[in-house]
Amino acid sequence: MSAVVLHYGELALKGRNRLWFLSALTRSVRASLRGLKVRQVRSLIGRIVVTIDDDSEWPEVRERLACLPGIDNFALATRMSMDLDAIAEAIVRDLPERPVPSFRVRARRADKRFPVPTPEIERRIGARVQAARGWPVDLSNPAFVITVEFLTEDAYYFFERTDGTGGLPIGTGGRTLALLSGGIDSPVAAWRLIRRGCRTDFVHFHSYPILSNTSQEKARELVRLLTRSQLRSRLFLVPFGGIQQQVVVSVPPALRVVIYRRMMLRIAEALAKTTGAQALVTGDAVGQVASQTIENLAVVGSVASLPLLRPLVGMDKEEITRDAQRIGTYAVSIIPDEDCCTLFTPRYPSTRASAEAVEAAERALDVSGLVDAAVATAVGEVAVFPGRPARIAPTVPESL
């Protein structure tokens, strides 16, 4: 019978809290595989074992588990009774027909009550494989690895592993609210927090109907992709064009971008307080654009009373792009669109705005009124995986 053997890395170091983290991971595995032919999900001595009824569903199982935080690696395995000769015979039967330049057997006895020592298990199975196929043994750098794991009641063997996302299980790291543009950076920033166990909601600022609704559709698709990693997400769509128009008529051009971003943070923080988010997340990286100099980051961030997390702050564009490609958001992020960041942007924005100058410019605006109006007109949506996105109300109820 086939099973998927999941290994977790960081969870094993959690000491007295390990069972709590493991329980959260087991629940998220069950939820992620909902709708598939999965018979059982069990936690067994340093592993989670998923019993599946239909091997044809393995590609979908693999795709879902690869997105799920907390999993270091996993493999499609064959379950056997604790009979070493029968295991060796089954392994020889299932070996690939292609030539293999070298191999080794790697055995693990999670339950030491199995009487055969680990080196003897490896030697006996390796001898059977070598006799059947003639492959040379290489213990240091084998081209092919046969893994056998002995648990309490059953043994499992497999030939290939799939890398997981790593990190910590869903919901173990608190709640955050990420400012989501349609670009490459902010989805990666959000994913990095999701990977640390933070359940992350999203806010996207748009300028519809001044501009097209393309940026909103991109935001929805990005949230849909990221929801595969946390199974449920909330997205707030906030009209921002009217605020930009008021800034344009009241604020000197060089300071407009900094003030746009300060307004966004204020609105995001107001929304965060309705969702219970404990921190805000942005995709800022030092020096990437004019608003992301150290001076401007400090002036922008000073309006937030919640912690402001910038997980990409020391990364360059190539590193961020590689992460975006890894998590599948890159292809969506590079679709051309018209977002609020391109509307009413001055030709020469300030790269070193002073707090005094910015605060003086903001006195021409009804800041609190603009924030309240933006929150009142926000549209909330929920994305669920497995499942479909659901649009909620045209305002933001506290229960969203």
Protein backbone atom coordinates (compact mmCIF):
# COMPACT_ATOMS: atom_id res chain seq x y z
CA MET A 1 0.00 0.00 0.00
CA SER A 2 1.28 3.46 -0.87
CA ALA A 3 1.88 6.19 1.64
CA VAL A 4 3.52 9.59 1.71
CA VAL A 5 6.19 9.96 4.40
CA LEU A 6 6.68 13.58 5.47
CA HIS A 7 9.73 14.78 7.38
CA TYR A 8 9.87 18.07 9.25
CA GLY A 9 13.10 19.84 10.15
CA GLU A 10 12.80 22.86 12.44
CA LEU A 11 9.87 21.43 14.39
CA ALA A 12 12.14 18.80 15.90
CA LEU A 13 14.02 21.57 17.76
CA LYS A 14 10.97 23.03 19.49
CA GLY A 15 11.40 21.18 22.79
CA ARG A 16 8.35 21.28 25.02
CA ASN A 17 6.31 23.06 22.35
CA ARG A 18 7.06 20.48 19.66
CA LEU A 19 3.77 18.61 20.06
CA TRP A 20 1.82 21.83 19.61
CA PHE A 21 3.68 22.63 16.38
CA LEU A 22 3.29 19.04 15.19
CA SER A 23 -0.44 19.11 15.85
CA ALA A 24 -0.73 22.30 13.78
CA LEU A 25 1.22 20.72 10.92
CA THR A 26 -0.88 17.55 10.97
CA ARG A 27 -4.08 19.61 10.79
CA SER A 28 -2.77 21.67 7.87
CA VAL A 29 -1.75 18.51 5.98
CA ARG A 30 -5.27 17.12 6.38
CA ALA A 31 -6.83 20.39 5.26
CA SER A 32 -4.51 20.75 2.28
CA LEU A 33 -5.36 17.28 0.98
CA ARG A 34 -9.12 17.71 1.39
CA GLY A 35 -11.04 16.31 -1.57
CA LEU A 36 -8.38 13.75 -2.50
CA LYS A 37 -8.47 9.99 -1.86
CA VAL A 38 -6.57 10.13 1.42
CA ARG A 39 -7.40 7.44 3.95
CA GLN A 40 -5.39 8.59 6.94
CA VAL A 41 -2.95 11.24 8.19
CA ARG A 42 -0.95 10.15 11.25
CA SER A 43 1.96 11.49 13.26
CA LEU A 44 4.47 8.68 13.80
CA ILE A 45 7.84 9.09 15.57
CA GLY A 46 9.35 12.15 13.92
CA ARG A 47 7.28 11.88 10.75
CA ILE A 48 3.81 12.34 9.39
CA VAL A 49 2.50 9.46 7.29
CA VAL A 50 -0.30 10.00 4.78
CA THR A 51 -2.01 6.86 3.49
CA ILE A 52 -3.44 7.29 -0.01
CA ASP A 53 -5.85 4.99 -1.80
CA ASP A 54 -5.03 5.93 -5.38
CA ASP A 55 -1.48 6.43 -6.68
CA SER A 56 -2.84 8.35 -9.66
CA GLU A 57 -3.45 11.27 -7.29
CA TRP A 58 0.21 11.47 -6.29
CA PRO A 59 1.00 14.39 -8.66
CA GLU A 60 -1.72 16.52 -7.05
CA VAL A 61 -0.73 15.38 -3.55
CA ARG A 62 2.88 16.29 -4.30
CA GLU A 63 1.96 19.73 -5.65
CA ARG A 64 -0.15 20.57 -2.60
CA LEU A 65 2.35 19.34 -0.02
CA ALA A 66 5.24 21.14 -1.71
CA CYS A 67 3.51 24.46 -0.94
CA LEU A 68 2.77 23.74 2.70
CA PRO A 69 5.00 25.38 5.35
CA GLY A 70 6.54 23.15 8.00
CA ILE A 71 7.52 20.26 5.71
CA ASP A 72 11.23 19.73 5.05
CA ASN A 73 10.85 16.91 2.50
CA PHE A 74 8.48 14.08 1.63
CA ALA A 75 8.33 10.97 -0.51
CA LEU A 76 5.87 8.54 -2.04
CA ALA A 77 6.67 5.28 -0.24
CA THR A 78 5.59 1.66 -0.14
CA ARG A 79 4.36 0.37 3.22
CA MET A 80 5.52 -3.08 4.31
CA SER A 81 5.37 -5.34 7.33
CA MET A 82 8.49 -5.45 9.51
CA ASP A 83 9.99 -8.38 7.58
CA LEU A 84 13.47 -7.56 6.33
CA ASP A 85 13.59 -10.30 3.68
CA ALA A 86 10.19 -9.31 2.29
CA ILE A 87 11.28 -5.67 2.21
CA ALA A 88 14.46 -6.51 0.33
CA GLU A 89 12.52 -8.61 -2.19
CA ALA A 90 9.98 -5.80 -2.77
CA ILE A 91 12.74 -3.22 -3.22
CA VAL A 92 14.48 -5.35 -5.85
CA ARG A 93 11.18 -5.81 -7.66
CA ASP A 94 10.49 -2.06 -7.74
CA LEU A 95 13.95 -0.85 -8.76
CA PRO A 96 14.07 1.20 -11.98
CA GLU A 97 15.17 -0.59 -15.13
CA ARG A 98 17.59 2.15 -16.16
CA PRO A 99 21.32 1.78 -15.49
CA VAL A 100 22.51 3.29 -12.21
CA PRO A 101 26.20 4.29 -11.86
CA SER A 102 26.19 3.87 -8.06
CA PHE A 103 23.83 3.39 -5.14
CA ARG A 104 23.54 3.07 -1.40
CA VAL A 105 20.92 1.97 1.10
CA ARG A 106 20.08 4.40 3.90
CA ALA A 107 18.09 2.84 6.75
CA ARG A 108 16.53 4.50 9.77
CA ARG A 109 15.08 2.76 12.81
CA ALA A 110 12.77 5.30 14.39
CA ASP A 111 11.73 2.56 16.81
CA LYS A 112 14.87 0.88 18.15
CA ARG A 113 12.88 -2.18 19.19
CA PHE A 114 13.35 -3.56 15.68
CA PRO A 115 16.10 -6.08 16.47
CA VAL A 116 18.36 -5.76 13.39
CA PRO A 117 20.97 -2.96 13.72
CA THR A 118 20.87 -0.20 11.12
CA PRO A 119 24.25 -1.06 9.47
CA GLU A 120 23.13 -4.69 9.13
CA ILE A 121 19.85 -3.63 7.50
CA GLU A 122 21.76 -1.55 4.96
CA ARG A 123 24.26 -4.34 4.29
CA ARG A 124 21.65 -7.04 3.76
CA ILE A 125 19.39 -4.99 1.47
CA GLY A 126 22.40 -3.61 -0.40
CA ALA A 127 23.70 -7.13 -1.02
CA ARG A 128 20.35 -8.19 -2.48
CA VAL A 129 20.27 -5.16 -4.78
CA GLN A 130 23.85 -5.66 -5.92
CA ALA A 131 23.24 -9.34 -6.61
CA ALA A 132 20.15 -8.53 -8.68
CA ARG A 133 21.47 -5.53 -10.62
CA GLY A 134 25.24 -5.44 -10.26
CA TRP A 135 25.25 -1.75 -9.36
CA PRO A 136 28.39 -0.51 -7.55
CA VAL A 137 28.05 0.82 -4.01
CA ASP A 138 29.06 4.38 -3.18
CA LEU A 139 28.40 5.43 0.40
CA SER A 140 29.71 8.99 0.00
CA ASN A 141 28.17 10.28 -3.22
CA PRO A 142 25.67 7.76 -4.59
CA ALA A 143 23.71 8.49 -7.76
CA PHE A 144 20.72 6.53 -6.40
CA VAL A 145 19.57 6.24 -2.78
CA ILE A 146 17.25 3.57 -1.41
CA THR A 147 15.71 4.76 1.86
CA VAL A 148 14.09 2.37 4.31
CA GLU A 149 12.42 3.59 7.49
CA PHE A 150 11.27 1.32 10.31
CA LEU A 151 8.54 2.82 12.47
CA THR A 152 6.54 1.22 15.28
CA GLU A 153 4.31 -1.15 13.30
CA ASP A 154 5.33 -0.78 9.67
CA ALA A 155 8.32 -0.15 7.44
CA TYR A 156 8.43 2.17 4.44
CA TYR A 157 10.82 2.35 1.50
CA PHE A 158 11.23 4.92 -1.24
CA PHE A 159 13.72 6.03 -3.89
CA GLU A 160 13.08 9.75 -4.37
CA ARG A 161 12.37 12.72 -2.13
CA THR A 162 10.56 15.96 -2.92
CA ASP A 163 11.75 19.13 -1.21
CA GLY A 164 9.18 20.91 0.91
CA THR A 165 8.83 24.59 1.77
CA GLY A 166 10.43 24.27 5.20
CA GLY A 167 9.66 26.78 7.92
CA LEU A 168 6.86 26.50 10.46
CA PRO A 169 3.24 25.30 10.22
CA ILE A 170 0.32 27.57 9.36
CA GLY A 171 -0.89 29.75 12.19
CA THR A 172 1.96 29.13 14.64
CA GLY A 173 3.61 32.52 14.09
CA GLY A 174 0.76 34.96 14.68
CA ARG A 175 -1.12 37.10 12.17
CA THR A 176 0.19 39.76 9.78
CA LEU A 177 -1.24 42.06 7.11
CA ALA A 178 0.83 42.45 3.94
CA LEU A 179 0.66 45.41 1.56
CA LEU A 180 0.34 43.70 -1.82
CA SER A 181 1.17 45.49 -5.06
CA GLY A 182 1.03 43.81 -8.44
CA GLY A 183 4.83 43.59 -8.63
CA ILE A 184 7.43 40.93 -7.91
CA ASP A 185 8.52 41.93 -4.42
CA SER A 186 5.48 42.10 -2.16
CA PRO A 187 4.17 38.55 -2.84
CA VAL A 188 7.62 37.19 -1.96
CA ALA A 189 7.67 39.24 1.24
CA ALA A 190 4.26 37.86 2.20
CA TRP A 191 5.36 34.30 1.39
CA ARG A 192 8.40 34.63 3.62
CA LEU A 193 6.13 35.47 6.56
CA ILE A 194 3.69 32.68 5.66
CA ARG A 195 6.67 30.32 5.63
CA ARG A 196 7.42 31.37 9.22
CA GLY A 197 3.96 30.27 10.29
CA CYS A 198 2.32 33.71 10.13
CA ARG A 199 -1.22 33.70 8.83
CA THR A 200 -1.11 36.62 6.43
CA ASP A 201 -3.93 38.78 5.08
CA PHE A 202 -3.48 41.23 2.23
CA VAL A 203 -4.37 44.80 1.31
CA HIS A 204 -4.13 46.05 -2.27
CA PHE A 205 -4.46 49.75 -3.18
CA HIS A 206 -5.91 50.50 -6.62
CA SER A 207 -6.94 53.53 -8.65
CA TYR A 208 -10.05 52.14 -10.35
CA PRO A 209 -12.01 53.69 -12.08
CA ILE A 210 -9.32 56.26 -12.90
CA LEU A 211 -7.25 53.33 -14.16
CA SER A 212 -8.35 49.86 -15.30
CA ASN A 213 -9.11 47.06 -12.83
CA THR A 214 -6.14 44.96 -14.06
CA SER A 215 -4.18 45.48 -10.85
CA GLN A 216 -7.11 44.16 -8.79
CA GLU A 217 -7.29 41.01 -10.91
CA LYS A 218 -3.55 40.52 -10.51
CA ALA A 219 -3.87 40.94 -6.74
CA ARG A 220 -6.64 38.33 -6.64
CA GLU A 221 -4.53 35.87 -8.62
CA LEU A 222 -1.46 36.47 -6.43
CA VAL A 223 -3.54 35.87 -3.31
CA ARG A 224 -4.97 32.72 -4.85
CA LEU A 225 -1.45 31.39 -5.45
CA LEU A 226 -0.25 32.31 -1.95
CA THR A 227 -3.34 30.73 -0.41
CA ARG A 228 -2.03 27.32 -1.48
CA SER A 229 0.53 27.82 1.27
CA GLN A 230 -1.81 28.94 4.06
CA LEU A 231 -5.20 27.54 2.88
CA ARG A 232 -7.21 30.65 3.74
CA SER A 233 -6.50 34.32 3.02
CA ARG A 234 -8.31 37.63 3.24
CA LEU A 235 -7.79 40.37 0.65
CA PHE A 236 -8.83 43.99 1.10
CA LEU A 237 -9.16 46.10 -2.07
CA VAL A 238 -8.86 49.78 -1.20
CA PRO A 239 -9.65 52.64 -3.64
CA PHE A 240 -6.68 55.01 -3.54
CA GLY A 241 -7.06 57.23 -6.61
CA GLY A 242 -9.11 59.85 -4.79
CA ILE A 243 -6.47 60.16 -2.08
CA GLN A 244 -3.79 60.57 -4.73
CA GLN A 245 -5.78 63.34 -6.38
CA GLN A 246 -5.99 65.23 -3.10
CA VAL A 247 -2.26 64.76 -2.52
CA VAL A 248 -1.49 66.11 -6.00
CA VAL A 249 -3.33 69.38 -5.39
CA SER A 250 -1.97 69.87 -1.87
CA VAL A 251 1.58 68.45 -1.68
CA PRO A 252 4.83 69.47 -3.44
CA PRO A 253 5.69 66.95 -6.21
CA ALA A 254 8.93 65.68 -4.67
CA LEU A 255 7.17 64.54 -1.48
CA ARG A 256 4.12 62.89 -3.04
CA VAL A 257 5.44 59.32 -3.24
CA VAL A 258 6.52 59.34 0.41
CA ILE A 259 3.12 60.70 1.46
CA TYR A 260 1.30 58.12 -0.70
CA ARG A 261 3.17 55.38 1.14
CA ARG A 262 2.53 56.91 4.56
CA MET A 263 -1.19 57.02 3.77
CA MET A 264 -1.10 53.39 2.68
CA LEU A 265 0.52 52.34 5.94
CA ARG A 266 -2.04 54.26 7.98
CA ILE A 267 -4.92 52.64 6.10
CA ALA A 268 -3.30 49.19 6.35
CA GLU A 269 -2.86 49.62 10.09
CA ALA A 270 -6.51 50.61 10.51
CA LEU A 271 -7.52 47.46 8.62
CA ALA A 272 -5.05 45.36 10.63
CA LYS A 273 -6.79 46.36 13.83
CA THR A 274 -10.08 44.92 12.50
CA THR A 275 -8.44 41.57 11.70
CA GLY A 276 -6.25 41.10 14.75
CA ALA A 277 -3.03 41.40 12.75
CA GLN A 278 -0.02 41.98 14.97
CA ALA A 279 2.35 43.39 12.33
CA LEU A 280 2.44 44.91 8.85
CA VAL A 281 4.54 43.48 6.00
CA THR A 282 5.97 45.28 2.98
CA GLY A 283 8.19 44.27 0.07
CA ASP A 284 10.71 47.07 0.59
CA ALA A 285 14.37 46.46 -0.28
CA VAL A 286 16.93 49.13 0.47
CA GLY A 287 17.80 51.27 -2.54
CA GLN A 288 15.57 49.50 -5.04
CA VAL A 289 13.46 52.59 -5.88
CA ALA A 290 13.44 56.22 -4.77
CA SER A 291 11.01 55.62 -1.91
CA GLN A 292 13.21 52.85 -0.48
CA THR A 293 16.26 54.77 0.61
CA ILE A 294 17.06 54.45 4.31
CA GLU A 295 15.87 58.01 4.88
CA ASN A 296 12.55 57.50 3.11
CA LEU A 297 11.95 54.10 4.70
CA ALA A 298 12.38 55.70 8.10
CA VAL A 299 9.99 58.57 7.34
CA VAL A 300 7.37 56.23 5.87
CA GLY A 301 7.63 53.66 8.65
CA SER A 302 7.35 56.24 11.42
CA VAL A 303 3.55 56.49 10.99
CA ALA A 304 2.99 52.83 11.95
CA SER A 305 2.44 51.89 15.59
CA LEU A 306 2.34 48.17 14.75
CA PRO A 307 5.66 46.45 14.02
CA LEU A 308 6.62 46.94 10.36
CA LEU A 309 8.30 43.86 8.88
CA ARG A 310 10.44 44.15 5.74
CA PRO A 311 11.69 40.60 5.04
CA LEU A 312 13.33 41.55 1.71
CA VAL A 313 15.16 44.60 3.01
CA GLY A 314 18.67 43.26 2.32
CA MET A 315 17.92 41.24 -0.83
CA ASP A 316 18.69 42.20 -4.41
CA LYS A 317 16.30 41.90 -7.35
CA GLU A 318 17.79 38.65 -8.64
CA GLU A 319 17.32 36.94 -5.27
CA ILE A 320 13.74 38.17 -5.01
CA THR A 321 13.01 37.07 -8.58
CA ARG A 322 14.31 33.56 -7.88
CA ASP A 323 11.96 33.30 -4.90
CA ALA A 324 9.05 34.57 -7.01
CA GLN A 325 9.76 31.91 -9.63
CA ARG A 326 10.01 29.25 -6.93
CA ILE A 327 6.61 30.05 -5.43
CA GLY A 328 4.90 30.59 -8.78
CA THR A 329 4.02 34.29 -8.49
CA TYR A 330 6.57 35.63 -10.99
CA ALA A 331 4.51 34.99 -14.14
CA VAL A 332 1.57 36.91 -12.69
CA SER A 333 3.69 39.74 -11.29
CA ILE A 334 5.24 40.60 -14.66
CA ILE A 335 1.89 40.97 -16.44
CA PRO A 336 1.67 44.64 -17.49
CA ASP A 337 -0.91 46.63 -15.58
CA GLU A 338 -1.82 50.10 -14.42
CA ASP A 339 -1.52 50.35 -10.67
CA CYS A 340 -1.77 53.26 -8.29
CA CYS A 341 2.01 53.44 -7.93
CA THR A 342 2.26 54.70 -11.52
CA LEU A 343 -0.53 57.27 -11.16
CA PHE A 344 0.42 60.89 -10.41
CA THR A 345 4.04 59.91 -9.80
CA PRO A 346 6.39 62.91 -9.97
CA ARG A 347 9.29 62.88 -12.37
CA TYR A 348 11.83 63.59 -9.63
CA PRO A 349 10.68 62.16 -6.27
CA SER A 350 12.68 62.99 -3.18
CA THR A 351 15.17 60.31 -2.15
CA ARG A 352 15.89 61.88 1.26
CA ALA A 353 12.65 63.36 2.50
CA SER A 354 12.87 64.86 5.97
CA ALA A 355 10.25 64.11 8.59
CA GLU A 356 9.72 67.82 9.19
CA ALA A 357 9.03 68.59 5.51
CA VAL A 358 6.68 65.62 5.13
CA GLU A 359 4.72 66.39 8.27
CA ALA A 360 4.39 70.02 7.19
CA ALA A 361 3.06 68.95 3.78
CA GLU A 362 0.55 66.57 5.37
CA ARG A 363 -1.01 69.42 7.36
CA ALA A 364 -2.72 70.42 4.12
CA LEU A 365 -4.59 67.08 4.14
CA ASP A 366 -7.40 65.71 6.31
CA VAL A 367 -5.33 62.61 7.06
CA SER A 368 -7.67 60.94 9.55
CA GLY A 369 -10.70 61.63 7.35
CA LEU A 370 -9.01 60.14 4.30
CA VAL A 371 -8.01 57.04 6.25
CA ASP A 372 -11.54 56.54 7.63
CA ALA A 373 -13.07 56.97 4.17
CA ALA A 374 -10.64 54.48 2.61
CA VAL A 375 -11.40 51.85 5.26
CA ALA A 376 -15.15 52.38 4.85
CA THR A 377 -14.98 51.83 1.08
CA ALA A 378 -12.63 48.84 1.16
CA VAL A 379 -13.93 45.61 -0.36
CA GLY A 380 -13.09 42.39 1.45
CA GLU A 381 -12.65 39.01 -0.22
CA VAL A 382 -11.73 35.57 1.08
CA ALA A 383 -9.73 32.94 -0.81
CA VAL A 384 -9.82 29.32 0.35
CA PHE A 385 -7.74 26.34 -0.77
CA PRO A 386 -8.93 23.82 -1.76
CA GLY A 387 -11.87 25.92 -2.91
CA ARG A 388 -12.76 29.12 -4.71
CA PRO A 389 -12.34 32.79 -3.81
CA ALA A 390 -15.43 34.35 -2.24
CA ARG A 391 -16.28 38.03 -2.37
CA ILE A 392 -17.53 39.42 0.91
CA ALA A 393 -19.14 42.82 1.43
CA PRO A 394 -18.42 46.20 -0.18
CA THR A 395 -17.36 47.40 3.28
CA VAL A 396 -15.11 45.88 5.92
CA PRO A 397 -17.02 44.28 8.81
CA GLU A 398 -14.96 43.40 11.86
CA SER A 399 -15.98 39.75 11.49
CA LEU A 400 -14.42 39.37 8.03
